[in-house]
Amino acid sequence: MKSIYTLFILIGFTSLLNFSCVSKKKYKASQARVERLRMDSTSQHVAVTQCNLSLKECSNGLNSSKDLVSQLSDKNATVLRDLQELSKNSQMTITEQAKRLADMQKIIQNQRDVMNKLKKTVSDALVGFTPEELSIEIKHGNIYVSLQEKLLFKSGSDKVDPKGKDALLKLASVLNSNPDINVNIEGHTDSIPIKGIFADNWALSVSRATSIVRILTADGVNPHSIIASGRGEYYPVESNAYDVGRARNRRTEIILSPNLSELFKLLNQ
């Protein structure tokens, strides 16, 4: 009987021990599951937080995009209005420019016709002089009346000879009939240094031009339309290395220019 009781006690103790071992395993397993759940919960919380932040950023980005689209739409509308206005103004400008160009071409052609007619008139007036004494040509839109030294002056002098004065008076008659023509008297020399009352060739060229101006203005040419200038030896038409070239360089050029005030007025409009 005692043995049986002892057996029951042993069985109960063993069962209790086994139960205790099983409970510890379940406890540890439960702890592991709880830890996993906690970690999952934390991860989910982080994910949800990040998602909320992303949604907020997306929302902010969407709002910014909407604002940008609105601004771009406004700018696009402004640009379209400007383009329409520019197109309208451009059409007007093209029309105006076409008219202005036609007016300019008309003025230029009129000036060309005037200069051609004036050249013929000057040539007719000076018909009695030889090509070795003077020449007439249209160059750069102007009429160049080139008078050689032997027609106008003695060597080293600024006093006009009688034959040269006769040519100048005939030219003055033409200029008086064409008061809108500007006149530039340009004196030229060769490169041989001068001896006498003039300091140098430049002074001689200016003094000769001034002498011609006095003759023309004394015969009625408007002094407001005439200029006296000298280039000395610095604008030769031939080489100064030989006699023929130096002779051609000793000249006085009377440059007749059309009055371009009407053309300049049109350009400045």
C-alpha atoms as a PDB file:
ATOM      1  CA  MET A   1       0.000   0.000   0.000  1.00  0.00           C
ATOM      2  CA  LYS A   2       2.830   2.318   0.881  1.00  0.00           C
ATOM      3  CA  SER A   3       4.622   1.409  -2.306  1.00  0.00           C
ATOM      4  CA  ILE A   4       1.560   2.234  -4.341  1.00  0.00           C
ATOM      5  CA  TYR A   5       1.265   5.591  -2.606  1.00  0.00           C
ATOM      6  CA  THR A   6       4.893   6.273  -3.205  1.00  0.00           C
ATOM      7  CA  LEU A   7       4.385   5.366  -6.853  1.00  0.00           C
ATOM      8  CA  PHE A   8       1.522   7.812  -7.148  1.00  0.00           C
ATOM      9  CA  ILE A   9       3.636  10.506  -5.624  1.00  0.00           C
ATOM     10  CA  LEU A  10       6.447   9.811  -8.054  1.00  0.00           C
ATOM     11  CA  ILE A  11       4.038   9.814 -10.978  1.00  0.00           C
ATOM     12  CA  GLY A  12       2.515  13.107  -9.803  1.00  0.00           C
ATOM     13  CA  PHE A  13       5.917  14.695  -9.293  1.00  0.00           C
ATOM     14  CA  THR A  14       7.033  13.496 -12.687  1.00  0.00           C
ATOM     15  CA  SER A  15       3.853  14.831 -14.268  1.00  0.00           C
ATOM     16  CA  LEU A  16       4.324  18.144 -12.488  1.00  0.00           C
ATOM     17  CA  LEU A  17       7.931  18.307 -13.632  1.00  0.00           C
ATOM     18  CA  ASN A  18       6.925  17.503 -17.188  1.00  0.00           C
ATOM     19  CA  PHE A  19       4.156  20.078 -17.012  1.00  0.00           C
ATOM     20  CA  SER A  20       6.623  22.637 -15.688  1.00  0.00           C
ATOM     21  CA  CYS A  21       9.018  21.964 -18.588  1.00  0.00           C
ATOM     22  CA  VAL A  22       6.226  22.202 -21.125  1.00  0.00           C
ATOM     23  CA  SER A  23       5.005  25.529 -19.631  1.00  0.00           C
ATOM     24  CA  LYS A  24       8.494  27.042 -19.819  1.00  0.00           C
ATOM     25  CA  LYS A  25       8.751  26.143 -23.532  1.00  0.00           C
ATOM     26  CA  LYS A  26       5.327  27.614 -24.220  1.00  0.00           C
ATOM     27  CA  TYR A  27       6.266  30.696 -22.239  1.00  0.00           C
ATOM     28  CA  LYS A  28       9.434  31.207 -24.238  1.00  0.00           C
ATOM     29  CA  ALA A  29       7.553  30.573 -27.452  1.00  0.00           C
ATOM     30  CA  SER A  30       4.900  33.088 -26.405  1.00  0.00           C
ATOM     31  CA  GLN A  31       7.595  35.616 -25.546  1.00  0.00           C
ATOM     32  CA  ALA A  32       9.139  35.126 -28.990  1.00  0.00           C
ATOM     33  CA  ARG A  33       5.774  35.596 -30.655  1.00  0.00           C
ATOM     34  CA  VAL A  34       5.122  38.722 -28.593  1.00  0.00           C
ATOM     35  CA  GLU A  35       8.549  40.103 -29.540  1.00  0.00           C
ATOM     36  CA  ARG A  36       7.865  39.382 -33.193  1.00  0.00           C
ATOM     37  CA  LEU A  37       4.478  41.039 -32.941  1.00  0.00           C
ATOM     38  CA  ARG A  38       6.052  44.053 -31.235  1.00  0.00           C
ATOM     39  CA  MET A  39       8.675  44.301 -33.952  1.00  0.00           C
ATOM     40  CA  ASP A  40       6.028  43.883 -36.648  1.00  0.00           C
ATOM     41  CA  SER A  41       3.924  46.512 -34.947  1.00  0.00           C
ATOM     42  CA  THR A  42       6.883  48.896 -34.821  1.00  0.00           C
ATOM     43  CA  SER A  43       7.686  48.237 -38.467  1.00  0.00           C
ATOM     44  CA  GLN A  44       4.087  48.772 -39.420  1.00  0.00           C
ATOM     45  CA  HIS A  45       4.020  51.991 -37.406  1.00  0.00           C
ATOM     46  CA  VAL A  46       7.162  53.243 -39.131  1.00  0.00           C
ATOM     47  CA  ALA A  47       5.749  52.232 -42.499  1.00  0.00           C
ATOM     48  CA  VAL A  48       2.461  53.960 -41.760  1.00  0.00           C
ATOM     49  CA  THR A  49       4.311  57.079 -40.585  1.00  0.00           C
ATOM     50  CA  GLN A  50       6.467  57.098 -43.704  1.00  0.00           C
ATOM     51  CA  CYS A  51       3.421  56.548 -45.827  1.00  0.00           C
ATOM     52  CA  ASN A  52       1.667  59.465 -44.158  1.00  0.00           C
ATOM     53  CA  LEU A  53       4.731  61.632 -44.700  1.00  0.00           C
ATOM     54  CA  SER A  54       4.908  60.542 -48.332  1.00  0.00           C
ATOM     55  CA  LEU A  55       1.243  61.291 -48.782  1.00  0.00           C
ATOM     56  CA  LYS A  56       1.781  64.701 -47.202  1.00  0.00           C
ATOM     57  CA  GLU A  57       4.769  65.353 -49.460  1.00  0.00           C
ATOM     58  CA  CYS A  58       2.791  64.178 -52.454  1.00  0.00           C
ATOM     59  CA  SER A  59      -0.039  66.429 -51.437  1.00  0.00           C
ATOM     60  CA  ASN A  60       2.314  69.385 -51.019  1.00  0.00           C
ATOM     61  CA  GLY A  61       3.997  68.542 -54.323  1.00  0.00           C
ATOM     62  CA  LEU A  62       0.633  68.324 -56.018  1.00  0.00           C
ATOM     63  CA  ASN A  63      -0.371  71.698 -54.616  1.00  0.00           C
ATOM     64  CA  SER A  64       2.948  73.198 -55.758  1.00  0.00           C
ATOM     65  CA  SER A  65       2.452  71.685 -59.205  1.00  0.00           C
ATOM     66  CA  LYS A  66      -1.014  73.159 -59.361  1.00  0.00           C
ATOM     67  CA  ASP A  67       0.397  76.584 -58.435  1.00  0.00           C
ATOM     68  CA  LEU A  68       3.145  76.221 -61.044  1.00  0.00           C
ATOM     69  CA  VAL A  69       0.644  75.204 -63.714  1.00  0.00           C
ATOM     70  CA  SER A  70      -1.466  78.218 -62.797  1.00  0.00           C
ATOM     71  CA  GLN A  71       1.545  80.551 -63.034  1.00  0.00           C
ATOM     72  CA  LEU A  72       2.620  79.051 -66.352  1.00  0.00           C
ATOM     73  CA  SER A  73      -0.902  79.401 -67.692  1.00  0.00           C
ATOM     74  CA  ASP A  74      -0.915  83.081 -66.737  1.00  0.00           C
ATOM     75  CA  LYS A  75       2.499  83.618 -68.334  1.00  0.00           C
ATOM     76  CA  ASN A  76       1.421  81.736 -71.439  1.00  0.00           C
ATOM     77  CA  ALA A  77      -1.636  83.931 -71.753  1.00  0.00           C
ATOM     78  CA  THR A  78       0.556  87.039 -71.366  1.00  0.00           C
ATOM     79  CA  VAL A  79       3.000  85.787 -73.997  1.00  0.00           C
ATOM     80  CA  LEU A  80       0.155  85.050 -76.399  1.00  0.00           C
ATOM     81  CA  ARG A  81      -1.213  88.563 -75.928  1.00  0.00           C
ATOM     82  CA  ASP A  82       2.253  90.037 -76.495  1.00  0.00           C
ATOM     83  CA  LEU A  83       2.727  87.934 -79.624  1.00  0.00           C
ATOM     84  CA  GLN A  84      -0.621  89.027 -80.982  1.00  0.00           C
ATOM     85  CA  GLU A  85       0.214  92.663 -80.307  1.00  0.00           C
ATOM     86  CA  LEU A  86       3.706  92.226 -81.776  1.00  0.00           C
ATOM     87  CA  SER A  87       2.260  90.569 -84.855  1.00  0.00           C
ATOM     88  CA  LYS A  88      -0.149  93.443 -85.291  1.00  0.00           C
ATOM     89  CA  ASN A  89       2.585  96.041 -84.829  1.00  0.00           C
ATOM     90  CA  SER A  90       4.961  94.100 -87.089  1.00  0.00           C
ATOM     91  CA  GLN A  91       2.430  94.113 -89.884  1.00  0.00           C
ATOM     92  CA  MET A  92       2.073  97.865 -89.483  1.00  0.00           C
ATOM     93  CA  THR A  93       5.860  98.283 -89.342  1.00  0.00           C
ATOM     94  CA  ILE A  94       6.380  96.197 -92.479  1.00  0.00           C
ATOM     95  CA  THR A  95       3.850  98.315 -94.323  1.00  0.00           C
ATOM     96  CA  GLU A  96       5.435 101.529 -93.095  1.00  0.00           C
ATOM     97  CA  GLN A  97       8.937 100.291 -93.904  1.00  0.00           C
ATOM     98  CA  ALA A  98       7.885  99.319 -97.406  1.00  0.00           C
ATOM     99  CA  LYS A  99       6.502 102.819 -97.979  1.00  0.00           C
ATOM    100  CA  ARG A 100       9.595 104.411 -96.459  1.00  0.00           C
ATOM    101  CA  LEU A 101      11.869 102.297 -98.647  1.00  0.00           C
ATOM    102  CA  ALA A 102       9.892 103.305-101.733  1.00  0.00           C
ATOM    103  CA  ASP A 103      10.158 106.975-100.699  1.00  0.00           C
ATOM    104  CA  MET A 104      13.914 106.621-100.146  1.00  0.00           C
ATOM    105  CA  GLN A 105      14.408 104.982-103.527  1.00  0.00           C
ATOM    106  CA  LYS A 106      12.443 107.793-105.135  1.00  0.00           C
ATOM    107  CA  ILE A 107      14.565 110.459-103.411  1.00  0.00           C
ATOM    108  CA  ILE A 108      17.807 108.678-104.338  1.00  0.00           C
ATOM    109  CA  GLN A 109      16.749 108.335-107.944  1.00  0.00           C
ATOM    110  CA  ASN A 110      15.770 112.016-108.032  1.00  0.00           C
ATOM    111  CA  GLN A 111      19.177 112.946-106.611  1.00  0.00           C
ATOM    112  CA  ARG A 112      20.892 110.727-109.192  1.00  0.00           C
ATOM    113  CA  ASP A 113      18.945 112.406-111.970  1.00  0.00           C
ATOM    114  CA  VAL A 114      19.845 115.844-110.578  1.00  0.00           C
ATOM    115  CA  MET A 115      23.552 114.968-110.415  1.00  0.00           C
ATOM    116  CA  ASN A 116      23.598 113.551-113.948  1.00  0.00           C
ATOM    117  CA  LYS A 117      21.924 116.695-115.233  1.00  0.00           C
ATOM    118  CA  LEU A 118      24.327 118.879-113.237  1.00  0.00           C
ATOM    119  CA  LYS A 119      27.352 117.015-114.605  1.00  0.00           C
ATOM    120  CA  LYS A 120      26.173 117.665-118.147  1.00  0.00           C
ATOM    121  CA  THR A 121      25.583 121.341-117.334  1.00  0.00           C
ATOM    122  CA  VAL A 122      29.073 121.706-115.824  1.00  0.00           C
ATOM    123  CA  SER A 123      30.641 119.871-118.767  1.00  0.00           C
ATOM    124  CA  ASP A 124      28.846 122.162-121.209  1.00  0.00           C
ATOM    125  CA  ALA A 125      29.973 125.231-119.258  1.00  0.00           C
ATOM    126  CA  LEU A 126      33.629 124.114-119.265  1.00  0.00           C
ATOM    127  CA  VAL A 127      33.667 122.719-122.774  1.00  0.00           C
ATOM    128  CA  GLY A 128      36.458 125.072-123.872  1.00  0.00           C
ATOM    129  CA  PHE A 129      39.067 123.471-121.594  1.00  0.00           C
ATOM    130  CA  THR A 130      41.206 120.447-122.424  1.00  0.00           C
ATOM    131  CA  PRO A 131      41.374 117.125-120.529  1.00  0.00           C
ATOM    132  CA  GLU A 132      44.950 118.043-119.507  1.00  0.00           C
ATOM    133  CA  GLU A 133      43.547 121.128-117.746  1.00  0.00           C
ATOM    134  CA  LEU A 134      40.485 119.679-116.055  1.00  0.00           C
ATOM    135  CA  SER A 135      38.292 116.585-115.803  1.00  0.00           C
ATOM    136  CA  ILE A 136      34.726 115.959-114.635  1.00  0.00           C
ATOM    137  CA  GLU A 137      33.362 112.683-113.252  1.00  0.00           C
ATOM    138  CA  ILE A 138      30.724 111.329-110.913  1.00  0.00           C
ATOM    139  CA  LYS A 139      32.274 109.393-108.031  1.00  0.00           C
ATOM    140  CA  HIS A 140      30.696 108.196-104.765  1.00  0.00           C
ATOM    141  CA  GLY A 141      27.490 110.027-105.668  1.00  0.00           C
ATOM    142  CA  ASN A 142      29.300 113.363-106.053  1.00  0.00           C
ATOM    143  CA  ILE A 143      30.598 115.355-109.024  1.00  0.00           C
ATOM    144  CA  TYR A 144      34.370 115.858-108.997  1.00  0.00           C
ATOM    145  CA  VAL A 145      35.673 118.785-111.047  1.00  0.00           C
ATOM    146  CA  SER A 146      39.440 118.308-110.945  1.00  0.00           C
ATOM    147  CA  LEU A 147      41.461 121.332-112.093  1.00  0.00           C
ATOM    148  CA  GLN A 148      45.197 120.858-112.685  1.00  0.00           C
ATOM    149  CA  GLU A 149      47.767 123.229-111.226  1.00  0.00           C
ATOM    150  CA  LYS A 150      48.849 124.525-114.656  1.00  0.00           C
ATOM    151  CA  LEU A 151      45.287 125.822-115.247  1.00  0.00           C
ATOM    152  CA  LEU A 152      45.032 127.651-111.930  1.00  0.00           C
ATOM    153  CA  PHE A 153      48.380 128.477-110.327  1.00  0.00           C
ATOM    154  CA  LYS A 154      52.041 129.023-110.914  1.00  0.00           C
ATOM    155  CA  SER A 155      54.384 126.755-108.983  1.00  0.00           C
ATOM    156  CA  GLY A 156      54.362 127.518-105.252  1.00  0.00           C
ATOM    157  CA  SER A 157      51.705 130.262-105.604  1.00  0.00           C
ATOM    158  CA  ASP A 158      48.132 130.551-104.359  1.00  0.00           C
ATOM    159  CA  LYS A 159      47.174 133.340-106.827  1.00  0.00           C
ATOM    160  CA  VAL A 160      44.729 132.134-109.487  1.00  0.00           C
ATOM    161  CA  ASP A 161      45.803 132.712-113.110  1.00  0.00           C
ATOM    162  CA  PRO A 162      43.393 134.531-115.488  1.00  0.00           C
ATOM    163  CA  LYS A 163      42.548 131.382-117.468  1.00  0.00           C
ATOM    164  CA  GLY A 164      41.833 129.514-114.254  1.00  0.00           C
ATOM    165  CA  LYS A 165      39.670 132.371-113.008  1.00  0.00           C
ATOM    166  CA  ASP A 166      37.669 132.209-116.241  1.00  0.00           C
ATOM    167  CA  ALA A 167      36.959 128.524-115.597  1.00  0.00           C
ATOM    168  CA  LEU A 168      35.925 129.262-112.004  1.00  0.00           C
ATOM    169  CA  LEU A 169      33.520 132.033-113.070  1.00  0.00           C
ATOM    170  CA  LYS A 170      31.826 129.695-115.546  1.00  0.00           C
ATOM    171  CA  LEU A 171      31.482 127.120-112.792  1.00  0.00           C
ATOM    172  CA  ALA A 172      30.107 129.787-110.421  1.00  0.00           C
ATOM    173  CA  SER A 173      27.361 130.552-112.949  1.00  0.00           C
ATOM    174  CA  VAL A 174      26.273 126.897-112.857  1.00  0.00           C
ATOM    175  CA  LEU A 175      26.374 126.783-109.044  1.00  0.00           C
ATOM    176  CA  ASN A 176      24.273 129.930-108.750  1.00  0.00           C
ATOM    177  CA  SER A 177      21.582 128.156-110.804  1.00  0.00           C
ATOM    178  CA  ASN A 178      21.712 125.175-108.408  1.00  0.00           C
ATOM    179  CA  PRO A 179      21.669 126.661-104.889  1.00  0.00           C
ATOM    180  CA  ASP A 180      20.970 123.299-103.189  1.00  0.00           C
ATOM    181  CA  ILE A 181      24.385 121.923-104.176  1.00  0.00           C
ATOM    182  CA  ASN A 182      27.089 121.767-101.475  1.00  0.00           C
ATOM    183  CA  VAL A 183      30.608 122.675-102.629  1.00  0.00           C
ATOM    184  CA  ASN A 184      33.891 121.480-101.113  1.00  0.00           C
ATOM    185  CA  ILE A 185      37.107 122.950-102.487  1.00  0.00           C
ATOM    186  CA  GLU A 186      39.979 120.521-101.837  1.00  0.00           C
ATOM    187  CA  GLY A 187      43.596 121.516-102.472  1.00  0.00           C
ATOM    188  CA  HIS A 188      46.279 118.876-103.261  1.00  0.00           C
ATOM    189  CA  THR A 189      50.029 118.982-103.863  1.00  0.00           C
ATOM    190  CA  ASP A 190      52.858 116.620-104.709  1.00  0.00           C
ATOM    191  CA  SER A 191      55.386 115.385-102.135  1.00  0.00           C
ATOM    192  CA  ILE A 192      58.255 117.752-103.020  1.00  0.00           C
ATOM    193  CA  PRO A 193      58.962 120.026-100.025  1.00  0.00           C
ATOM    194  CA  ILE A 194      57.957 123.621-100.745  1.00  0.00           C
ATOM    195  CA  LYS A 195      60.197 126.676-100.423  1.00  0.00           C
ATOM    196  CA  GLY A 196      58.861 130.165 -99.987  1.00  0.00           C
ATOM    197  CA  ILE A 197      56.191 131.900 -97.931  1.00  0.00           C
ATOM    198  CA  PHE A 198      54.257 128.734 -97.035  1.00  0.00           C
ATOM    199  CA  ALA A 199      55.322 126.535 -94.147  1.00  0.00           C
ATOM    200  CA  ASP A 200      54.643 123.328 -96.051  1.00  0.00           C
ATOM    201  CA  ASN A 201      52.575 121.735 -98.815  1.00  0.00           C
ATOM    202  CA  TRP A 202      49.601 121.440 -96.504  1.00  0.00           C
ATOM    203  CA  ALA A 203      49.520 125.184 -95.925  1.00  0.00           C
ATOM    204  CA  LEU A 204      49.822 125.763 -99.669  1.00  0.00           C
ATOM    205  CA  SER A 205      46.918 123.407-100.454  1.00  0.00           C
ATOM    206  CA  VAL A 206      44.641 125.145 -97.942  1.00  0.00           C
ATOM    207  CA  SER A 207      45.581 128.612 -99.154  1.00  0.00           C
ATOM    208  CA  ARG A 208      44.872 127.646-102.778  1.00  0.00           C
ATOM    209  CA  ALA A 209      41.460 126.273-101.820  1.00  0.00           C
ATOM    210  CA  THR A 210      40.703 129.512 -99.952  1.00  0.00           C
ATOM    211  CA  SER A 211      41.667 131.611-102.996  1.00  0.00           C
ATOM    212  CA  ILE A 212      39.170 129.656-105.130  1.00  0.00           C
ATOM    213  CA  VAL A 213      36.449 130.061-102.502  1.00  0.00           C
ATOM    214  CA  ARG A 214      36.928 133.838-102.573  1.00  0.00           C
ATOM    215  CA  ILE A 215      36.466 133.941-106.349  1.00  0.00           C
ATOM    216  CA  LEU A 216      33.326 131.771-106.261  1.00  0.00           C
ATOM    217  CA  THR A 217      31.663 133.602-103.375  1.00  0.00           C
ATOM    218  CA  ALA A 218      32.544 136.984-104.875  1.00  0.00           C
ATOM    219  CA  ASP A 219      30.618 135.886-107.961  1.00  0.00           C
ATOM    220  CA  GLY A 220      27.513 135.016-105.954  1.00  0.00           C
ATOM    221  CA  VAL A 221      27.974 131.423-104.752  1.00  0.00           C
ATOM    222  CA  ASN A 222      26.364 131.016-101.331  1.00  0.00           C
ATOM    223  CA  PRO A 223      29.171 130.997 -98.706  1.00  0.00           C
ATOM    224  CA  HIS A 224      27.007 128.843 -96.405  1.00  0.00           C
ATOM    225  CA  SER A 225      27.216 125.981 -98.901  1.00  0.00           C
ATOM    226  CA  ILE A 226      30.952 126.089 -99.584  1.00  0.00           C
ATOM    227  CA  ILE A 227      33.986 124.694 -97.707  1.00  0.00           C
ATOM    228  CA  ALA A 228      37.725 125.285 -98.195  1.00  0.00           C
ATOM    229  CA  SER A 229      40.008 122.381 -97.255  1.00  0.00           C
ATOM    230  CA  GLY A 230      43.504 121.124 -98.022  1.00  0.00           C
ATOM    231  CA  ARG A 231      45.028 117.644 -98.078  1.00  0.00           C
ATOM    232  CA  GLY A 232      48.553 118.598 -99.029  1.00  0.00           C
ATOM    233  CA  GLU A 233      50.510 115.639-100.362  1.00  0.00           C
ATOM    234  CA  TYR A 234      48.537 113.025 -98.432  1.00  0.00           C
ATOM    235  CA  TYR A 235      45.879 112.071-100.997  1.00  0.00           C
ATOM    236  CA  PRO A 236      47.728 111.442-104.288  1.00  0.00           C
ATOM    237  CA  VAL A 237      46.079 109.976-107.379  1.00  0.00           C
ATOM    238  CA  GLU A 238      49.412 108.966-108.926  1.00  0.00           C
ATOM    239  CA  SER A 239      52.846 107.994-107.680  1.00  0.00           C
ATOM    240  CA  ASN A 240      55.103 110.899-106.740  1.00  0.00           C
ATOM    241  CA  ALA A 241      58.118 108.951-108.009  1.00  0.00           C
ATOM    242  CA  TYR A 242      57.987 110.524-111.491  1.00  0.00           C
ATOM    243  CA  ASP A 243      57.139 113.886-113.073  1.00  0.00           C
ATOM    244  CA  VAL A 244      53.847 112.913-114.719  1.00  0.00           C
ATOM    245  CA  GLY A 245      52.490 111.486-111.453  1.00  0.00           C
ATOM    246  CA  ARG A 246      53.523 114.558-109.455  1.00  0.00           C
ATOM    247  CA  ALA A 247      51.889 116.829-112.040  1.00  0.00           C
ATOM    248  CA  ARG A 248      48.600 114.994-111.698  1.00  0.00           C
ATOM    249  CA  ASN A 249      48.796 115.177-107.916  1.00  0.00           C
ATOM    250  CA  ARG A 250      49.126 118.995-108.043  1.00  0.00           C
ATOM    251  CA  ARG A 251      45.448 119.691-108.468  1.00  0.00           C
ATOM    252  CA  THR A 252      42.390 121.315-106.920  1.00  0.00           C
ATOM    253  CA  GLU A 253      39.184 119.285-106.718  1.00  0.00           C
ATOM    254  CA  ILE A 254      35.828 121.018-106.567  1.00  0.00           C
ATOM    255  CA  ILE A 255      33.429 118.432-105.157  1.00  0.00           C
ATOM    256  CA  LEU A 256      29.736 119.049-105.769  1.00  0.00           C
ATOM    257  CA  SER A 257      27.395 117.146-103.443  1.00  0.00           C
ATOM    258  CA  PRO A 258      23.593 116.947-103.487  1.00  0.00           C
ATOM    259  CA  ASN A 259      21.618 118.275-100.561  1.00  0.00           C
ATOM    260  CA  LEU A 260      20.605 115.123 -98.667  1.00  0.00           C
ATOM    261  CA  SER A 261      18.551 116.822 -95.935  1.00  0.00           C
ATOM    262  CA  GLU A 262      15.309 115.376 -97.309  1.00  0.00           C
ATOM    263  CA  LEU A 263      16.795 111.888 -97.281  1.00  0.00           C
ATOM    264  CA  PHE A 264      18.185 112.310 -93.741  1.00  0.00           C
ATOM    265  CA  LYS A 265      14.816 113.612 -92.572  1.00  0.00           C
ATOM    266  CA  LEU A 266      13.157 110.461 -93.918  1.00  0.00           C
ATOM    267  CA  LEU A 267      15.774 108.235 -92.275  1.00  0.00           C
ATOM    268  CA  ASN A 268      15.241 109.879 -88.893  1.00  0.00           C
ATOM    269  CA  GLN A 269      11.468 109.446 -88.912  1.00  0.00           C
END
